[in-house]
Amino acid sequence: MFERSLAGVYRVSVDGRFLNCNPAGARLLGYASPEELLHSNAAEFSSADQRAAFVASVRERGGLVNRESC
């Protein structure tokens, strides 16, 4: 289901490392494959201020289960 989903799905560590990604997620972010995306960092896709606010929010709540972004 994860691999064949048409929705882009990925998991990222607090430090910005991509942990896994489905093919749709890789395409959504401009990569040819999930393996290619796993060598990049999520910080490339947001400003430093956005990232800091997001990480602070995750730490304050004690975790994150799901988040949708446009």
N, C-alpha and C. Protein backbone atom coordinates (compact mmCIF):
# COMPACT_ATOMS: atom_id res chain seq x y z
N MET A 1 0.82 -1.18 0.00
CA MET A 1 0.00 0.00 0.00
C MET A 1 0.87 1.25 0.00
N PHE A 2 1.92 1.26 0.82
CA PHE A 2 2.83 2.39 0.90
C PHE A 2 3.50 2.64 -0.45
N GLU A 3 4.05 1.60 -1.05
CA GLU A 3 4.77 1.73 -2.31
C GLU A 3 3.87 2.14 -3.47
N ARG A 4 2.64 1.68 -3.49
CA ARG A 4 1.75 1.92 -4.62
C ARG A 4 0.81 3.11 -4.44
N SER A 5 0.87 3.75 -3.31
CA SER A 5 0.00 4.89 -3.06
C SER A 5 0.29 6.02 -4.05
N LEU A 6 -0.78 6.65 -4.53
CA LEU A 6 -0.63 7.79 -5.42
C LEU A 6 -0.28 9.06 -4.64
N ALA A 7 -0.50 9.02 -3.32
CA ALA A 7 -0.15 10.14 -2.45
C ALA A 7 1.32 10.03 -2.08
N GLY A 8 2.02 11.16 -2.07
CA GLY A 8 3.41 11.16 -1.65
C GLY A 8 3.50 10.97 -0.15
N VAL A 9 4.21 9.94 0.30
CA VAL A 9 4.34 9.63 1.72
C VAL A 9 5.83 9.46 2.03
N TYR A 10 6.27 10.12 3.10
CA TYR A 10 7.65 9.96 3.54
C TYR A 10 7.75 10.21 5.03
N ARG A 11 8.83 9.71 5.62
CA ARG A 11 9.12 9.95 7.04
C ARG A 11 10.48 10.62 7.13
N VAL A 12 10.57 11.58 8.05
CA VAL A 12 11.79 12.37 8.21
C VAL A 12 12.16 12.40 9.69
N SER A 13 13.45 12.29 10.00
CA SER A 13 13.90 12.40 11.39
C SER A 13 13.90 13.87 11.80
N VAL A 14 14.02 14.13 13.09
CA VAL A 14 14.03 15.49 13.60
C VAL A 14 15.18 16.30 13.00
N ASP A 15 16.30 15.64 12.70
CA ASP A 15 17.43 16.36 12.13
C ASP A 15 17.33 16.51 10.61
N GLY A 16 16.21 16.08 10.02
CA GLY A 16 15.98 16.31 8.59
C GLY A 16 16.33 15.18 7.66
N ARG A 17 16.82 14.06 8.19
CA ARG A 17 17.14 12.92 7.31
C ARG A 17 15.86 12.22 6.86
N PHE A 18 15.76 11.95 5.57
CA PHE A 18 14.63 11.16 5.08
C PHE A 18 14.87 9.72 5.51
N LEU A 19 13.88 9.13 6.16
CA LEU A 19 13.98 7.75 6.65
C LEU A 19 13.43 6.76 5.63
N ASN A 20 12.33 7.12 5.00
CA ASN A 20 11.80 6.33 3.89
C ASN A 20 10.85 7.20 3.10
N CYS A 21 10.52 6.73 1.91
CA CYS A 21 9.70 7.50 1.00
C CYS A 21 9.13 6.56 -0.05
N ASN A 22 7.91 6.83 -0.47
CA ASN A 22 7.36 6.03 -1.56
C ASN A 22 7.67 6.71 -2.90
N PRO A 23 7.50 6.01 -4.02
CA PRO A 23 7.81 6.59 -5.32
C PRO A 23 7.05 7.90 -5.61
N ALA A 24 5.79 7.98 -5.21
CA ALA A 24 5.02 9.21 -5.44
C ALA A 24 5.62 10.38 -4.66
N GLY A 25 6.09 10.14 -3.45
CA GLY A 25 6.72 11.18 -2.64
C GLY A 25 8.00 11.68 -3.29
N ALA A 26 8.79 10.75 -3.82
CA ALA A 26 10.03 11.14 -4.49
C ALA A 26 9.71 12.01 -5.71
N ARG A 27 8.76 11.60 -6.51
CA ARG A 27 8.38 12.39 -7.70
C ARG A 27 7.86 13.76 -7.29
N LEU A 28 7.04 13.80 -6.25
CA LEU A 28 6.48 15.06 -5.77
C LEU A 28 7.58 16.05 -5.40
N LEU A 29 8.66 15.55 -4.86
CA LEU A 29 9.77 16.41 -4.43
C LEU A 29 10.85 16.57 -5.51
N GLY A 30 10.59 16.02 -6.71
CA GLY A 30 11.48 16.24 -7.85
C GLY A 30 12.60 15.23 -8.02
N TYR A 31 12.47 14.05 -7.42
CA TYR A 31 13.49 13.01 -7.53
C TYR A 31 12.98 11.85 -8.37
N ALA A 32 13.90 11.16 -9.03
CA ALA A 32 13.54 10.05 -9.90
C ALA A 32 13.16 8.80 -9.11
N SER A 33 13.67 8.65 -7.89
CA SER A 33 13.39 7.45 -7.11
C SER A 33 13.50 7.76 -5.62
N PRO A 34 12.88 6.92 -4.79
CA PRO A 34 13.02 7.09 -3.34
C PRO A 34 14.48 7.01 -2.90
N GLU A 35 15.26 6.13 -3.51
CA GLU A 35 16.66 5.97 -3.13
C GLU A 35 17.44 7.28 -3.33
N GLU A 36 17.13 7.97 -4.41
CA GLU A 36 17.77 9.24 -4.70
C GLU A 36 17.41 10.28 -3.63
N LEU A 37 16.14 10.32 -3.27
CA LEU A 37 15.67 11.27 -2.26
C LEU A 37 16.32 11.01 -0.90
N LEU A 38 16.54 9.76 -0.56
CA LEU A 38 17.08 9.42 0.76
C LEU A 38 18.48 9.98 0.99
N HIS A 39 19.14 10.43 -0.07
CA HIS A 39 20.46 11.04 0.07
C HIS A 39 20.40 12.55 0.25
N SER A 40 19.20 13.10 0.28
CA SER A 40 19.05 14.55 0.48
C SER A 40 18.57 14.80 1.91
N ASN A 41 18.35 16.06 2.23
CA ASN A 41 17.90 16.43 3.57
C ASN A 41 16.63 17.25 3.44
N ALA A 42 15.68 17.02 4.30
CA ALA A 42 14.39 17.72 4.25
C ALA A 42 14.55 19.22 4.44
N ALA A 43 15.65 19.65 5.06
CA ALA A 43 15.89 21.08 5.27
C ALA A 43 15.98 21.83 3.94
N GLU A 44 16.27 21.12 2.85
CA GLU A 44 16.34 21.74 1.53
C GLU A 44 14.99 22.26 1.06
N PHE A 45 13.91 21.80 1.66
CA PHE A 45 12.56 22.10 1.18
C PHE A 45 11.83 23.15 2.02
N SER A 46 12.52 23.78 2.96
CA SER A 46 11.89 24.83 3.76
C SER A 46 12.94 25.82 4.23
N SER A 47 12.50 26.97 4.68
CA SER A 47 13.44 27.96 5.19
C SER A 47 13.90 27.54 6.58
N ALA A 48 14.99 28.11 7.01
CA ALA A 48 15.53 27.80 8.34
C ALA A 48 14.53 28.16 9.43
N ASP A 49 13.82 29.29 9.26
CA ASP A 49 12.81 29.70 10.25
C ASP A 49 11.65 28.72 10.31
N GLN A 50 11.16 28.27 9.15
CA GLN A 50 10.06 27.31 9.11
C GLN A 50 10.48 26.01 9.79
N ARG A 51 11.68 25.55 9.48
CA ARG A 51 12.18 24.30 10.04
C ARG A 51 12.32 24.41 11.57
N ALA A 52 12.88 25.51 12.05
CA ALA A 52 13.06 25.70 13.49
C ALA A 52 11.72 25.71 14.22
N ALA A 53 10.73 26.38 13.64
CA ALA A 53 9.39 26.43 14.25
C ALA A 53 8.76 25.04 14.27
N PHE A 54 8.91 24.30 13.19
CA PHE A 54 8.35 22.96 13.11
C PHE A 54 9.01 22.03 14.14
N VAL A 55 10.33 22.05 14.21
CA VAL A 55 11.05 21.19 15.15
C VAL A 55 10.68 21.56 16.59
N ALA A 56 10.57 22.84 16.89
CA ALA A 56 10.17 23.27 18.24
C ALA A 56 8.78 22.75 18.57
N SER A 57 7.87 22.79 17.59
CA SER A 57 6.51 22.30 17.80
C SER A 57 6.51 20.79 18.07
N VAL A 58 7.29 20.04 17.32
CA VAL A 58 7.37 18.58 17.51
C VAL A 58 7.92 18.26 18.89
N ARG A 59 8.97 18.97 19.28
CA ARG A 59 9.57 18.72 20.59
C ARG A 59 8.61 19.09 21.72
N GLU A 60 7.89 20.19 21.56
CA GLU A 60 6.94 20.63 22.57
C GLU A 60 5.82 19.61 22.76
N ARG A 61 5.35 19.04 21.67
CA ARG A 61 4.26 18.06 21.73
C ARG A 61 4.74 16.66 22.07
N GLY A 62 6.03 16.43 21.97
CA GLY A 62 6.58 15.11 22.27
C GLY A 62 6.55 14.15 21.11
N GLY A 63 6.24 14.63 19.92
CA GLY A 63 6.23 13.77 18.74
C GLY A 63 5.26 14.26 17.70
N LEU A 64 5.23 13.54 16.61
CA LEU A 64 4.34 13.87 15.49
C LEU A 64 3.90 12.56 14.87
N VAL A 65 2.61 12.41 14.68
CA VAL A 65 2.09 11.18 14.09
C VAL A 65 1.85 11.36 12.60
N ASN A 66 1.27 12.47 12.21
CA ASN A 66 0.93 12.66 10.80
C ASN A 66 0.88 14.15 10.53
N ARG A 67 1.31 14.53 9.35
CA ARG A 67 1.22 15.93 8.95
C ARG A 67 1.05 16.00 7.45
N GLU A 68 0.09 16.78 7.02
CA GLU A 68 -0.11 17.00 5.60
C GLU A 68 0.40 18.39 5.26
N SER A 69 1.03 18.51 4.11
CA SER A 69 1.49 19.82 3.68
C SER A 69 1.15 20.00 2.20
N CYS A 70 1.03 21.22 1.82
CA CYS A 70 0.66 21.54 0.44
C CYS A 70 1.84 22.14 -0.29
